[in-house]
Amino acid sequence: MANVVNVEETIGKTVGRDRTDEDPWVAYRRIAASARLLRPRLPYPRGVFRFKTLEEAHEWQQKHMLAAATAAK
């Protein structure tokens, strides 16, 4: 079986950016920042909340979900 690619041939043109001289920590920060933006965010404040009734918990949940939905617009 013959080779499909000629390995002795020199590459004539590279398409895209060459980031071989980029600092690895800079690349890591760039990737981490974009991953942070892709993470889903919950509309609730952090912490532990205790409710007396299930209805009170649902009201609280609906209030925060509605606030998050109106803020996203």
Protein backbone atom coordinates (compact mmCIF):
# COMPACT_ATOMS: atom_id res chain seq x y z
CA MET A 1 0.00 0.00 0.00
CA ALA A 2 1.45 3.37 -1.00
CA ASN A 3 1.55 6.46 1.19
CA VAL A 4 -1.24 8.95 0.52
CA VAL A 5 0.90 11.90 1.65
CA ASN A 6 4.41 12.57 0.43
CA VAL A 7 6.39 12.99 3.66
CA GLU A 8 9.41 14.42 1.85
CA GLU A 9 7.36 17.32 0.47
CA THR A 10 7.79 20.69 2.22
CA ILE A 11 4.70 22.55 3.38
CA GLY A 12 4.03 25.52 1.13
CA LYS A 13 1.40 27.43 3.06
CA THR A 14 -0.16 27.26 6.53
CA VAL A 15 -3.69 28.55 6.96
CA GLY A 16 -4.63 30.05 10.32
CA ARG A 17 -2.66 31.45 13.22
CA ASP A 18 0.63 30.14 14.44
CA ARG A 19 0.54 30.22 18.23
CA THR A 20 3.70 28.25 18.85
CA ASP A 21 5.36 31.26 20.51
CA GLU A 22 2.41 31.92 22.82
CA ASP A 23 2.95 31.49 26.55
CA PRO A 24 1.12 28.34 27.76
CA TRP A 25 -0.33 30.20 30.77
CA VAL A 26 -1.81 32.86 28.50
CA ALA A 27 -3.42 30.13 26.41
CA TYR A 28 -4.73 28.46 29.58
CA ARG A 29 -6.27 31.72 30.84
CA ARG A 30 -7.90 32.30 27.46
CA ILE A 31 -9.42 28.82 27.41
CA ALA A 32 -10.53 29.07 31.07
CA ALA A 33 -12.23 32.41 30.42
CA SER A 34 -14.18 31.04 27.48
CA ALA A 35 -15.15 27.94 29.49
CA ARG A 36 -16.44 30.19 32.29
CA LEU A 37 -18.71 31.93 29.80
CA LEU A 38 -20.13 28.62 28.57
CA ARG A 39 -21.02 27.30 32.02
CA PRO A 40 -24.71 27.41 32.90
CA ARG A 41 -25.53 29.81 35.69
CA LEU A 42 -28.27 29.21 38.20
CA PRO A 43 -30.56 32.14 38.90
CA TYR A 44 -30.44 31.53 42.65
CA PRO A 45 -28.19 33.22 45.20
CA ARG A 46 -25.60 31.00 46.83
CA GLY A 47 -26.19 29.69 50.29
CA VAL A 48 -28.54 27.51 52.29
CA PHE A 49 -32.16 28.61 52.53
CA ARG A 50 -34.79 27.13 54.82
CA PHE A 51 -38.49 27.47 54.17
CA LYS A 52 -41.45 26.68 56.38
CA THR A 53 -43.63 25.40 53.55
CA LEU A 54 -43.14 24.00 50.09
CA GLU A 55 -45.28 26.81 48.68
CA GLU A 56 -42.91 29.40 50.17
CA ALA A 57 -39.96 27.61 48.54
CA HIS A 58 -41.73 27.59 45.17
CA GLU A 59 -42.51 31.31 45.46
CA TRP A 60 -38.85 32.05 46.21
CA GLN A 61 -37.72 29.88 43.29
CA GLN A 62 -40.15 31.51 40.85
CA LYS A 63 -39.15 35.01 41.98
CA HIS A 64 -35.46 34.36 41.30
CA MET A 65 -36.08 32.59 38.00
CA LEU A 66 -38.24 35.50 36.80
CA ALA A 67 -35.61 38.03 37.88
CA ALA A 68 -32.91 36.12 36.00
CA ALA A 69 -35.05 35.86 32.87
CA THR A 70 -35.83 39.59 32.81
CA ALA A 71 -32.19 40.51 33.47
CA ALA A 72 -31.00 38.34 30.54
CA LYS A 73 -32.93 40.43 28.00
